[in-house]
Amino acid sequence: MTEWDLSFDVVCVGSGLGGITAAIAAHDLGKSCLVLEKADKLGGVCAYSGGEVFVCNNHKMSAEGAPDDPTASKAYLDFLAGGYADPALAKILLETGPRVARYMDERAGVKWKIINKFPDYHYPHAPGTVGHGRYLEVELFNGADLGDWQHKTYKTPHMPPGITHDELFEWGGLACILQWNFGLMGQRIMADQRGFGPGMMGYFIKAAMVDRGIEARVSTPVTRIVTDGTRVVGVVAEHEGQSLRIQARNGVVMAIGGYDWHPDLPKYHEGLPEWHSMCQPSVAGDNMMLGGEIGAALAGVPSYNLGMFFGYRIPGEEHDGAPLWRASWEGGYPHAIWVNRKGNRFGDESFYRDYLPRCHEWDGVAQEHPNYPPYLIFDQNYRDKYAFATYMPGQPVPEEVLACADTPEELGAKLGIDGAQLARTLAHFNTFADGTTDPDFGRGTYPWAAMMVGDKSRPNPNMGPLNKGPYYGIALKPVGVGINSVGLKTDHFARVQHVRGRPIDGFYACGNSAAALDTGAGYQSGISNLRGMTWGYIAGRHAAGADDPYA
């Protein structure tokens, strides 16, 4: 291709954390940048997220006078990886992530803060874990600071608006919604003060589009990667019914997420017979299709313990014209459990690192997943205190959403599970549910779970008996958050690898578009945002010709 409609040094495909960071990094080295977004708003998957970045050895810990221990940090990340991480890539992520966080603080105005006393997932049970300091979020962001982009950026349907993690936990966490300060939240919503993922992306988009004047185009999907036979030189995109040929003199950064909404790829790669998504429907596997057309290699890690959840859909709820799926945290609240078709508990319902692999489990004799689908069960004790989805205590839930019956046996019949065994399971659980210990699965022993989904007024924040009818239940479905087990294979400069084993010059990938070879077989909330931010920075700097892309 010798004629171009537009010409830039670096073209970033996707406007989430990885794409925006890459654009900022390349711009700061004097390169012209363009961000292309398939959806009609900026922000990507990060804008839908909890807005946590998990950064070991971050500068905010040092500022508090309690710096992280690099040896302990590595031990924990090695534990999470389970032997499936590329050591060289893991080392780069561990060492460069803190530098990127500091850079975005000092050079881009991102107002980081440590989430107070928020522990690592596996604290204190795994090596190298800490109870405070590695989770960063942002101070509330004023949406008006985005100028013309204020109403062209995503907000999240999944997290409480207008607050920080510290406030959420001070008010009792996700379970204790009746304790939230809705008056304060309402004031902040009216003022468009953003927390969680929308707040984080607000700072990054302001730094890129407002402060630096980097050009961005929404509703502009990339349809082809252009090469000159030896390297990537541009893209073809569609905008308002017209085809645009866009030159990328220094490189193209692929940062458009994974394949959650692709009709087939999740079933091929994620080890479950169906898949739904909490993400925007624009996240549809374009990374693999566009990369595949120019010979990009794929790589993967085990699927059963990454970032995904089980959840449900409330009829009528949509986003961007597609069904909206919600994650179910309710199994970790008191007075609720999960069971399988046989009516048995099978894991710690408050800690998804425990139950996810159990839901993927395969019985080779029966040729089935014994714990799939899981069923969420709770009683009237629960309904008197806690919300289900958007239904508050005392507010009726339609039968099409939630099954209801006077007895466990009748509920089992409605759900298609063994009701007699469900009754026995509840009777057994109730023998210890008012105490402090779960002798079967250790529920309530992870401080992260107690803080996130527990009720601190109880002896065990994650437990309570199910002994008050009527009883309620729902079959849960797998819902992804854009974190997939397979992605584009990249090297130590975030360059996409060819199937022949060489880097594809001028072609980079970061975030959920790139295979998680740096983190391996496990997950920790905030790791996905760390990956996007860190490798986006490296990609942008390498494309811009930096002597040291990691500096």
Protein backbone atom coordinates (compact mmCIF):
# COMPACT_ATOMS: atom_id res chain seq x y z
CA MET A 1 0.00 0.00 0.00
CA THR A 2 1.54 3.28 -1.09
CA GLU A 3 -1.32 5.73 -0.53
CA TRP A 4 -2.60 6.61 2.93
CA ASP A 5 -5.56 8.61 4.15
CA LEU A 6 -3.89 9.38 7.47
CA SER A 7 -0.32 9.05 8.71
CA PHE A 8 1.02 8.69 12.26
CA ASP A 9 4.12 7.30 13.92
CA VAL A 10 2.24 4.92 16.25
CA VAL A 11 -1.32 3.62 15.93
CA CYS A 12 -2.87 2.13 19.08
CA VAL A 13 -5.82 -0.17 18.45
CA GLY A 14 -8.03 -0.05 21.53
CA SER A 15 -8.62 2.66 24.12
CA GLY A 16 -8.28 0.71 27.36
CA LEU A 17 -5.40 0.95 29.79
CA GLY A 18 -2.85 -0.68 27.47
CA GLY A 19 -3.63 1.35 24.36
CA ILE A 20 -3.80 4.69 26.16
CA THR A 21 -0.57 4.01 28.08
CA ALA A 22 1.22 3.05 24.85
CA ALA A 23 0.06 6.29 23.22
CA ILE A 24 1.24 8.37 26.19
CA ALA A 25 4.64 6.63 26.27
CA ALA A 26 5.24 7.07 22.53
CA HIS A 27 3.99 10.67 22.53
CA ASP A 28 6.34 11.58 25.37
CA LEU A 29 9.23 10.48 23.15
CA GLY A 30 8.11 12.84 20.41
CA LYS A 31 6.01 10.52 18.27
CA SER A 32 2.62 11.29 16.75
CA CYS A 33 -0.05 8.85 17.92
CA LEU A 34 -3.58 7.83 17.01
CA VAL A 35 -5.93 5.75 19.17
CA LEU A 36 -8.64 3.79 17.34
CA GLU A 37 -11.62 2.39 19.25
CA LYS A 38 -14.19 -0.04 17.86
CA ALA A 39 -16.86 0.94 20.42
CA ASP A 40 -18.51 4.33 20.54
CA LYS A 41 -16.81 5.33 23.80
CA LEU A 42 -13.26 5.31 25.17
CA GLY A 43 -12.10 3.32 28.18
CA GLY A 44 -12.22 -0.33 27.19
CA VAL A 45 -12.47 -3.16 29.69
CA CYS A 46 -10.59 -1.22 32.39
CA ALA A 47 -13.44 1.30 32.56
CA TYR A 48 -15.79 -1.56 33.50
CA SER A 49 -13.42 -2.91 36.15
CA GLY A 50 -12.87 -2.31 39.82
CA GLY A 51 -9.99 -0.02 38.90
CA GLU A 52 -7.40 -1.83 40.96
CA VAL A 53 -3.75 -2.10 39.88
CA PHE A 54 -1.72 -4.68 41.74
CA VAL A 55 1.81 -3.24 41.90
CA CYS A 56 4.39 -4.90 44.08
CA ASN A 57 7.21 -2.60 45.25
CA ASN A 58 5.20 0.49 44.34
CA HIS A 59 6.33 4.00 45.24
CA LYS A 60 3.35 4.67 47.48
CA MET A 61 4.45 1.90 49.84
CA SER A 62 7.87 3.52 50.11
CA ALA A 63 6.25 6.90 50.73
CA GLU A 64 4.41 5.37 53.70
CA GLY A 65 7.73 4.29 55.14
CA ALA A 66 7.03 0.59 54.65
CA PRO A 67 8.59 -0.42 51.32
CA ASP A 68 7.73 -3.77 49.82
CA ASP A 69 10.16 -6.70 49.93
CA PRO A 70 11.23 -7.58 46.35
CA THR A 71 12.01 -11.16 47.35
CA ALA A 72 8.58 -11.61 48.87
CA SER A 73 6.94 -9.99 45.84
CA LYS A 74 8.63 -12.43 43.49
CA ALA A 75 7.70 -15.36 45.72
CA TYR A 76 4.03 -14.42 45.58
CA LEU A 77 3.95 -13.88 41.82
CA ASP A 78 5.76 -17.21 41.37
CA PHE A 79 3.12 -18.84 43.53
CA LEU A 80 0.33 -17.36 41.41
CA ALA A 81 2.04 -18.46 38.18
CA GLY A 82 1.98 -22.11 39.20
CA GLY A 83 5.01 -22.86 37.00
CA TYR A 84 3.36 -21.56 33.80
CA ALA A 85 4.99 -18.12 33.53
CA ASP A 86 7.92 -17.26 31.28
CA PRO A 87 10.56 -16.22 33.87
CA ALA A 88 12.00 -13.45 31.68
CA LEU A 89 8.59 -11.87 31.05
CA ALA A 90 7.59 -12.26 34.71
CA LYS A 91 10.78 -10.48 35.77
CA ILE A 92 10.09 -7.56 33.42
CA LEU A 93 6.53 -7.21 34.72
CA LEU A 94 7.67 -7.25 38.34
CA GLU A 95 10.46 -4.71 37.83
CA THR A 96 8.88 -2.38 35.28
CA GLY A 97 5.37 -2.18 36.73
CA PRO A 98 6.43 0.05 39.67
CA ARG A 99 8.31 2.36 37.27
CA VAL A 100 5.22 2.76 35.11
CA ALA A 101 3.04 3.54 38.13
CA ARG A 102 5.50 6.22 39.24
CA TYR A 103 5.76 7.61 35.70
CA MET A 104 1.99 7.93 35.42
CA ASP A 105 1.93 9.69 38.78
CA GLU A 106 4.73 12.14 38.09
CA ARG A 107 4.33 12.69 34.33
CA ALA A 108 0.65 12.06 33.64
CA GLY A 109 -1.07 13.32 36.78
CA VAL A 110 -2.60 9.99 37.82
CA LYS A 111 -3.49 10.39 41.51
CA TRP A 112 -2.72 6.97 42.93
CA LYS A 113 -3.59 5.94 46.45
CA ILE A 114 -3.12 2.68 48.33
CA ILE A 115 -6.34 0.85 49.13
CA ASN A 116 -6.16 0.78 52.90
CA LYS A 117 -5.56 -2.61 54.52
CA PHE A 118 -6.68 -4.49 51.41
CA PRO A 119 -4.79 -7.81 51.50
CA ASP A 120 -3.40 -9.91 48.67
CA TYR A 121 -5.83 -12.62 47.60
CA HIS A 122 -3.95 -15.45 49.28
CA TYR A 123 -2.81 -13.59 52.40
CA PRO A 124 -1.70 -14.99 54.81
CA HIS A 125 -1.68 -18.52 53.40
CA ALA A 126 0.75 -18.18 50.47
CA PRO A 127 4.43 -17.22 50.40
CA GLY A 128 5.28 -13.56 49.99
CA THR A 129 1.81 -12.17 50.67
CA VAL A 130 1.13 -8.92 52.51
CA GLY A 131 -1.95 -7.46 54.15
CA HIS A 132 -1.58 -3.90 52.87
CA GLY A 133 0.06 -1.82 50.19
CA ARG A 134 0.16 -3.56 46.82
CA TYR A 135 -3.30 -2.53 45.66
CA LEU A 136 -3.41 0.91 44.07
CA GLU A 137 -6.51 2.78 42.97
CA VAL A 138 -7.08 6.44 42.06
CA GLU A 139 -8.53 9.35 43.93
CA LEU A 140 -11.98 10.31 42.65
CA PHE A 141 -11.80 11.80 39.16
CA ASN A 142 -13.88 14.75 37.97
CA GLY A 143 -15.55 13.78 34.71
CA ALA A 144 -15.73 17.42 33.61
CA ASP A 145 -11.93 17.41 33.32
CA LEU A 146 -12.33 15.31 30.17
CA GLY A 147 -13.83 18.23 28.28
CA ASP A 148 -15.38 17.06 25.02
CA TRP A 149 -14.65 13.44 25.98
CA GLN A 150 -16.71 13.54 29.18
CA HIS A 151 -19.73 11.85 27.65
CA LYS A 152 -17.74 9.68 25.27
CA THR A 153 -16.09 7.57 27.96
CA TYR A 154 -17.41 4.42 29.59
CA LYS A 155 -18.78 4.15 33.10
CA THR A 156 -19.29 0.77 34.71
CA PRO A 157 -22.56 -1.06 35.37
CA HIS A 158 -20.74 -3.43 37.71
CA MET A 159 -19.26 -1.27 40.49
CA PRO A 160 -20.84 1.30 42.84
CA PRO A 161 -20.56 4.80 41.32
CA GLY A 162 -18.90 7.79 42.93
CA ILE A 163 -16.92 6.10 45.71
CA THR A 164 -13.53 4.55 46.45
CA HIS A 165 -12.63 1.12 47.77
CA ASP A 166 -11.86 2.60 51.17
CA GLU A 167 -15.39 3.97 51.42
CA LEU A 168 -16.93 0.74 50.17
CA PHE A 169 -15.13 -1.26 52.85
CA GLU A 170 -15.82 1.32 55.56
CA TRP A 171 -19.52 0.95 54.76
CA GLY A 172 -19.41 -2.84 55.03
CA GLY A 173 -18.40 -4.08 51.57
CA LEU A 174 -20.55 -5.50 48.82
CA ALA A 175 -22.80 -7.51 51.14
CA CYS A 176 -23.93 -4.70 53.44
CA ILE A 177 -25.52 -2.43 50.85
CA LEU A 178 -28.06 -1.06 53.34
CA GLN A 179 -25.17 0.61 55.18
CA TRP A 180 -23.93 2.56 52.15
CA ASN A 181 -24.09 6.35 52.16
CA PHE A 182 -26.44 6.79 49.22
CA GLY A 183 -26.82 10.51 49.88
CA LEU A 184 -23.11 11.09 49.38
CA MET A 185 -23.08 8.77 46.38
CA GLY A 186 -25.95 10.70 44.81
CA GLN A 187 -24.14 14.02 45.22
CA ARG A 188 -21.04 12.64 43.56
CA ILE A 189 -22.98 11.05 40.72
CA MET A 190 -24.60 14.41 39.98
CA ALA A 191 -21.13 16.01 39.98
CA ASP A 192 -19.77 13.18 37.78
CA GLN A 193 -17.09 12.19 40.26
CA ARG A 194 -15.78 8.81 39.23
CA GLY A 195 -14.09 6.02 41.15
CA PHE A 196 -13.06 2.44 40.37
CA GLY A 197 -12.40 1.72 36.65
CA PRO A 198 -14.11 4.83 35.25
CA GLY A 199 -11.99 6.99 37.56
CA MET A 200 -8.77 5.28 36.57
CA MET A 201 -9.49 5.57 32.86
CA GLY A 202 -10.56 9.18 33.41
CA TYR A 203 -7.05 10.08 34.54
CA PHE A 204 -5.40 8.17 31.69
CA ILE A 205 -7.71 9.54 28.98
CA LYS A 206 -7.28 13.07 30.29
CA ALA A 207 -3.50 12.66 30.23
CA ALA A 208 -3.61 11.42 26.64
CA MET A 209 -6.47 13.16 24.84
CA VAL A 210 -6.79 16.40 26.84
CA ASP A 211 -3.33 17.21 28.20
CA ARG A 212 -1.30 15.82 25.29
CA GLY A 213 -3.82 16.30 22.52
CA ILE A 214 -3.44 12.74 21.23
CA GLU A 215 -6.04 12.07 18.56
CA ALA A 216 -8.64 9.35 19.15
CA ARG A 217 -11.46 8.06 17.01
CA VAL A 218 -14.38 6.01 18.34
CA SER A 219 -16.71 3.78 16.31
CA THR A 220 -13.69 2.98 14.16
CA PRO A 221 -12.98 -0.76 14.08
CA VAL A 222 -9.73 -1.93 12.51
CA THR A 223 -10.42 -4.47 9.78
CA ARG A 224 -6.92 -5.29 8.57
CA ILE A 225 -3.27 -5.04 9.56
CA VAL A 226 -1.13 -3.81 6.67
CA THR A 227 2.39 -5.10 6.05
CA ASP A 228 4.96 -4.29 3.37
CA GLY A 229 6.08 -7.91 3.26
CA THR A 230 8.60 -7.58 6.07
CA ARG A 231 6.98 -5.43 8.78
CA VAL A 232 3.68 -3.90 9.86
CA VAL A 233 3.25 -0.44 8.35
CA GLY A 234 -0.36 0.48 9.07
CA VAL A 235 -3.99 -0.53 9.39
CA VAL A 236 -7.25 -0.34 7.49
CA ALA A 237 -10.19 0.85 9.58
CA GLU A 238 -13.87 1.59 9.02
CA HIS A 239 -15.40 4.89 10.08
CA GLU A 240 -18.89 6.13 9.22
CA GLY A 241 -19.17 3.72 6.34
CA GLN A 242 -15.84 4.64 4.80
CA SER A 243 -12.57 2.74 4.68
CA LEU A 244 -9.53 4.55 6.08
CA ARG A 245 -5.96 3.57 5.24
CA ILE A 246 -3.83 4.69 8.16
CA GLN A 247 -0.05 4.60 8.09
CA ALA A 248 1.88 3.66 11.25
CA ARG A 249 5.50 4.55 10.55
CA ASN A 250 6.86 3.14 13.81
CA GLY A 251 4.35 0.47 14.71
CA VAL A 252 0.85 -0.73 15.59
CA VAL A 253 -0.05 -1.60 19.19
CA MET A 254 -2.82 -4.19 19.52
CA ALA A 255 -4.71 -3.48 22.76
CA ILE A 256 -8.32 -4.41 22.01
CA GLY A 257 -8.82 -7.09 24.63
CA GLY A 258 -9.64 -10.75 24.21
CA TYR A 259 -12.44 -12.84 22.73
CA ASP A 260 -15.24 -12.83 25.32
CA TRP A 261 -17.98 -12.06 22.79
CA HIS A 262 -16.71 -14.24 19.96
CA PRO A 263 -19.31 -16.97 19.30
CA ASP A 264 -16.81 -19.86 19.36
CA LEU A 265 -13.38 -18.98 20.76
CA PRO A 266 -14.30 -19.12 24.48
CA LYS A 267 -15.76 -22.61 24.04
CA TYR A 268 -12.57 -23.72 22.27
CA HIS A 269 -10.19 -22.30 24.86
CA GLU A 270 -11.88 -21.83 28.24
CA GLY A 271 -12.85 -25.40 29.08
CA LEU A 272 -16.58 -24.83 29.66
CA PRO A 273 -19.53 -25.55 27.36
CA GLU A 274 -20.83 -21.97 27.33
CA TRP A 275 -19.52 -18.46 27.93
CA HIS A 276 -20.99 -15.05 28.58
CA SER A 277 -19.31 -11.76 29.37
CA MET A 278 -19.48 -8.74 31.65
CA CYS A 279 -17.43 -6.77 29.10
CA GLN A 280 -18.55 -4.54 26.27
CA PRO A 281 -19.66 -6.54 23.21
CA SER A 282 -16.84 -4.96 21.19
CA VAL A 283 -14.44 -7.42 22.88
CA ALA A 284 -14.84 -10.12 20.25
CA GLY A 285 -11.48 -11.70 19.41
CA ASP A 286 -10.30 -9.15 16.85
CA ASN A 287 -6.78 -9.49 18.25
CA MET A 288 -6.58 -13.12 17.17
CA MET A 289 -8.29 -12.65 13.82
CA LEU A 290 -6.29 -9.60 12.76
CA GLY A 291 -3.05 -11.09 14.05
CA GLY A 292 -3.77 -14.47 12.53
CA GLU A 293 -4.04 -12.97 9.06
CA ILE A 294 -0.38 -11.90 9.20
CA GLY A 295 0.97 -15.07 10.81
CA ALA A 296 0.87 -14.11 14.49
CA ALA A 297 1.52 -16.92 16.95
CA LEU A 298 -0.83 -17.74 19.81
CA ALA A 299 0.06 -18.92 23.29
CA GLY A 300 -1.96 -19.91 26.31
CA VAL A 301 -2.01 -20.77 29.99
CA PRO A 302 -4.42 -23.10 31.85
CA SER A 303 -7.94 -21.70 31.85
CA TYR A 304 -9.34 -22.89 35.14
CA ASN A 305 -7.98 -20.30 37.58
CA LEU A 306 -7.82 -17.00 35.73
CA GLY A 307 -10.03 -13.94 36.14
CA MET A 308 -13.63 -14.96 35.47
CA PHE A 309 -16.74 -15.47 37.52
CA PHE A 310 -20.14 -17.13 37.52
CA GLY A 311 -23.21 -14.97 37.34
CA TYR A 312 -26.59 -14.27 35.82
CA ARG A 313 -28.56 -11.93 33.62
CA ILE A 314 -31.54 -9.84 34.73
CA PRO A 315 -34.02 -9.87 31.81
CA GLY A 316 -34.14 -6.56 29.98
CA GLU A 317 -30.74 -5.30 31.11
CA GLU A 318 -28.49 -4.39 28.18
CA HIS A 319 -25.37 -2.43 27.32
CA ASP A 320 -24.36 -1.32 23.83
CA GLY A 321 -27.33 -3.26 22.47
CA ALA A 322 -26.24 -6.60 23.95
CA PRO A 323 -27.32 -8.54 27.08
CA LEU A 324 -25.72 -7.34 30.30
CA TRP A 325 -24.33 -10.13 32.45
CA ARG A 326 -23.50 -9.65 36.12
CA ALA A 327 -21.05 -11.51 38.35
CA SER A 328 -22.51 -13.25 41.38
CA TRP A 329 -20.72 -12.43 44.63
CA GLU A 330 -23.71 -13.49 46.71
CA GLY A 331 -22.39 -16.99 47.45
CA GLY A 332 -19.86 -15.47 49.84
CA TYR A 333 -22.48 -13.54 51.82
CA PRO A 334 -23.83 -15.08 55.05
CA HIS A 335 -26.92 -17.30 54.66
CA ALA A 336 -25.91 -18.42 51.15
CA ILE A 337 -24.09 -21.41 49.67
CA TRP A 338 -23.30 -22.99 46.31
CA VAL A 339 -24.22 -26.57 45.43
CA ASN A 340 -23.91 -28.83 42.40
CA ARG A 341 -26.65 -30.86 40.71
CA LYS A 342 -26.39 -33.49 43.43
CA GLY A 343 -27.18 -30.87 46.08
CA ASN A 344 -23.68 -30.88 47.60
CA ARG A 345 -21.34 -28.02 48.45
CA PHE A 346 -18.03 -28.35 46.65
CA GLY A 347 -15.83 -25.42 47.70
CA ASP A 348 -15.35 -22.15 49.53
CA GLU A 349 -18.11 -19.98 48.05
CA SER A 350 -16.53 -16.77 49.33
CA PHE A 351 -13.20 -17.22 47.54
CA TYR A 352 -13.39 -17.63 43.79
CA ARG A 353 -9.79 -18.81 43.57
CA ASP A 354 -11.08 -21.95 45.28
CA TYR A 355 -14.33 -22.57 43.46
CA LEU A 356 -13.28 -21.72 39.88
CA PRO A 357 -11.07 -24.78 39.37
CA ARG A 358 -13.72 -26.95 41.00
CA CYS A 359 -16.32 -25.71 38.50
CA HIS A 360 -13.97 -26.68 35.66
CA GLU A 361 -13.40 -30.15 37.10
CA TRP A 362 -14.08 -33.01 34.66
CA ASP A 363 -15.32 -36.50 35.54
CA GLY A 364 -13.82 -38.78 32.91
CA VAL A 365 -15.99 -41.72 33.88
CA ALA A 366 -19.32 -39.91 33.80
CA GLN A 367 -18.12 -37.61 30.99
CA GLU A 368 -19.36 -34.45 32.64
CA HIS A 369 -18.47 -31.47 34.79
CA PRO A 370 -19.70 -32.60 38.23
CA ASN A 371 -19.84 -29.04 39.60
CA TYR A 372 -21.15 -27.26 36.53
CA PRO A 373 -23.37 -25.38 36.59
CA PRO A 374 -23.17 -24.21 40.18
CA TYR A 375 -26.39 -23.23 41.94
CA LEU A 376 -26.63 -20.28 44.31
CA ILE A 377 -28.92 -21.08 47.26
CA PHE A 378 -30.04 -18.74 50.05
CA ASP A 379 -32.96 -18.29 52.44
CA GLN A 380 -35.19 -15.60 53.90
CA ASN A 381 -32.49 -14.67 56.44
CA TYR A 382 -30.46 -13.54 53.45
CA ARG A 383 -33.36 -11.71 51.77
CA ASP A 384 -34.06 -9.80 54.99
CA LYS A 385 -30.51 -8.40 55.11
CA TYR A 386 -28.79 -8.44 51.74
CA ALA A 387 -29.47 -7.56 48.13
CA PHE A 388 -29.64 -9.94 45.21
CA ALA A 389 -28.46 -8.23 42.02
CA THR A 390 -30.41 -4.96 41.88
CA TYR A 391 -33.21 -6.23 44.16
CA MET A 392 -32.98 -4.75 47.65
CA PRO A 393 -34.14 -6.50 50.85
CA GLY A 394 -37.92 -6.49 50.95
CA GLN A 395 -38.21 -5.97 47.22
CA PRO A 396 -39.76 -8.99 45.46
CA VAL A 397 -37.70 -10.80 42.83
CA PRO A 398 -39.58 -12.11 39.76
CA GLU A 399 -39.90 -15.90 39.53
CA GLU A 400 -38.30 -15.78 36.07
CA VAL A 401 -35.14 -14.47 37.77
CA LEU A 402 -35.03 -16.43 41.01
CA ALA A 403 -36.70 -19.72 41.95
CA CYS A 404 -38.51 -19.72 45.29
CA ALA A 405 -39.99 -22.54 47.38
CA ASP A 406 -41.09 -23.20 50.94
CA THR A 407 -38.70 -26.14 51.47
CA PRO A 408 -35.28 -27.18 50.16
CA GLU A 409 -36.88 -30.27 48.60
CA GLU A 410 -39.34 -28.16 46.62
CA LEU A 411 -36.59 -25.74 45.59
CA GLY A 412 -34.50 -28.65 44.32
CA ALA A 413 -37.38 -29.83 42.16
CA LYS A 414 -37.73 -26.36 40.62
CA LEU A 415 -34.01 -26.08 39.89
CA GLY A 416 -33.51 -29.66 38.69
CA ILE A 417 -31.17 -30.67 41.50
CA ASP A 418 -31.41 -33.33 44.22
CA GLY A 419 -33.73 -31.66 46.73
CA ALA A 420 -33.40 -34.32 49.41
CA GLN A 421 -29.63 -34.00 49.38
CA LEU A 422 -29.91 -30.21 49.34
CA ALA A 423 -31.93 -30.44 52.56
CA ARG A 424 -29.25 -32.64 54.13
CA THR A 425 -26.52 -30.25 52.95
CA LEU A 426 -28.27 -27.29 54.53
CA ALA A 427 -28.85 -29.19 57.78
CA HIS A 428 -25.15 -30.07 57.96
CA PHE A 429 -24.02 -26.54 57.07
CA ASN A 430 -26.31 -25.08 59.74
CA THR A 431 -24.54 -27.07 62.46
CA PHE A 432 -21.53 -24.75 62.18
CA ALA A 433 -22.77 -21.75 60.15
CA ASP A 434 -23.28 -19.57 63.24
CA GLY A 435 -19.72 -20.21 64.41
CA THR A 436 -16.31 -19.14 63.23
CA THR A 437 -15.11 -22.20 61.32
CA ASP A 438 -16.12 -24.07 58.18
CA PRO A 439 -14.67 -27.56 58.75
CA ASP A 440 -15.49 -28.66 55.20
CA PHE A 441 -13.93 -25.96 52.99
CA GLY A 442 -12.42 -23.31 55.27
CA ARG A 443 -14.84 -20.60 54.25
CA GLY A 444 -14.02 -17.26 55.86
CA THR A 445 -10.29 -17.91 56.29
CA TYR A 446 -9.19 -15.47 53.56
CA PRO A 447 -9.17 -11.85 54.78
CA TRP A 448 -9.68 -10.63 51.18
CA ALA A 449 -12.99 -12.52 50.97
CA ALA A 450 -14.12 -11.32 54.39
CA MET A 451 -13.41 -7.73 53.41
CA MET A 452 -14.96 -7.90 49.95
CA VAL A 453 -18.10 -10.00 50.43
CA GLY A 454 -18.39 -10.61 54.16
CA ASP A 455 -20.50 -9.11 56.93
CA LYS A 456 -18.22 -8.10 59.79
CA SER A 457 -21.08 -8.17 62.29
CA ARG A 458 -21.00 -11.98 62.24
CA PRO A 459 -18.52 -14.33 64.01
CA ASN A 460 -17.44 -15.55 60.58
CA PRO A 461 -18.11 -12.70 58.11
CA ASN A 462 -18.80 -15.16 55.30
CA MET A 463 -21.13 -17.59 57.05
CA GLY A 464 -24.66 -17.74 58.39
CA PRO A 465 -27.29 -20.50 58.61
CA LEU A 466 -29.96 -21.19 55.98
CA ASN A 467 -32.87 -22.13 58.22
CA LYS A 468 -35.67 -19.70 57.45
CA GLY A 469 -38.04 -20.31 54.57
CA PRO A 470 -38.80 -19.62 51.89
CA TYR A 471 -35.66 -20.72 50.07
CA TYR A 472 -34.28 -19.23 46.87
CA GLY A 473 -32.01 -20.47 44.12
CA ILE A 474 -30.60 -19.83 40.66
CA ALA A 475 -28.34 -21.70 38.25
CA LEU A 476 -25.26 -19.61 37.52
CA LYS A 477 -23.51 -19.20 34.18
CA PRO A 478 -19.82 -18.49 33.40
CA VAL A 479 -19.22 -14.79 32.85
CA GLY A 480 -15.88 -13.55 31.61
CA VAL A 481 -14.25 -10.23 32.37
CA GLY A 482 -12.09 -10.17 29.25
CA ILE A 483 -9.23 -12.14 30.79
CA ASN A 484 -8.77 -15.14 28.52
CA SER A 485 -6.43 -18.10 28.59
CA VAL A 486 -5.17 -17.65 25.00
CA GLY A 487 -3.76 -14.56 23.31
CA LEU A 488 -1.09 -13.28 20.97
CA LYS A 489 2.38 -14.49 21.88
CA THR A 490 4.72 -11.58 22.65
CA ASP A 491 8.38 -11.13 23.52
CA HIS A 492 10.31 -9.00 26.00
CA PHE A 493 9.56 -5.81 24.02
CA ALA A 494 5.82 -6.65 23.66
CA ARG A 495 6.39 -7.52 19.99
CA VAL A 496 4.00 -10.11 18.59
CA GLN A 497 5.73 -13.31 17.54
CA HIS A 498 5.29 -14.94 14.14
CA VAL A 499 4.34 -18.61 13.96
CA ARG A 500 7.89 -19.20 12.67
CA GLY A 501 9.33 -17.92 15.94
CA ARG A 502 10.54 -14.45 14.95
CA PRO A 503 9.10 -11.11 16.03
CA ILE A 504 6.76 -9.37 13.61
CA ASP A 505 8.47 -6.00 13.26
CA GLY A 506 6.23 -3.06 13.94
CA PHE A 507 3.51 -5.15 15.60
CA TYR A 508 2.95 -5.06 19.37
CA ALA A 509 0.33 -6.42 21.76
CA CYS A 510 -0.46 -5.68 25.40
CA GLY A 511 -3.16 -6.19 28.01
CA ASN A 512 -5.70 -8.90 27.39
CA SER A 513 -4.76 -9.06 23.70
CA ALA A 514 -1.46 -10.67 24.71
CA ALA A 515 -1.10 -14.14 26.19
CA ALA A 516 -0.57 -14.12 29.96
CA LEU A 517 2.87 -15.70 29.77
CA ASP A 518 4.13 -13.11 32.26
CA THR A 519 1.71 -14.16 35.00
CA GLY A 520 0.97 -17.81 34.24
CA ALA A 521 -1.80 -19.99 35.57
CA GLY A 522 -3.17 -17.89 38.42
CA TYR A 523 -4.74 -14.53 38.98
CA GLN A 524 -4.84 -11.68 41.44
CA SER A 525 -7.22 -8.76 40.97
CA GLY A 526 -5.35 -5.79 39.56
CA ILE A 527 -2.91 -8.00 37.64
CA SER A 528 -4.74 -7.49 34.34
CA ASN A 529 -4.53 -3.71 34.70
CA LEU A 530 -0.87 -4.03 35.68
CA ARG A 531 -0.19 -6.07 32.53
CA GLY A 532 -1.97 -3.60 30.27
CA MET A 533 -0.28 -0.56 31.74
CA THR A 534 3.20 -2.07 31.89
CA TRP A 535 3.39 -3.71 28.48
CA GLY A 536 1.59 -0.76 26.86
CA TYR A 537 4.35 1.46 28.22
CA ILE A 538 7.06 -0.89 26.95
CA ALA A 539 5.40 -1.22 23.54
CA GLY A 540 4.97 2.52 23.12
CA ARG A 541 8.55 3.26 24.11
CA HIS A 542 10.04 0.49 21.97
CA ALA A 543 8.02 1.60 18.94
CA ALA A 544 9.25 5.15 19.55
CA GLY A 545 12.87 3.97 19.50
CA ALA A 546 13.73 4.36 23.19
CA ASP A 547 17.23 3.23 24.11
CA ASP A 548 15.78 1.54 27.20
CA PRO A 549 12.05 0.75 26.84
CA TYR A 550 11.87 -0.25 30.51
CA ALA A 551 13.27 2.98 31.97
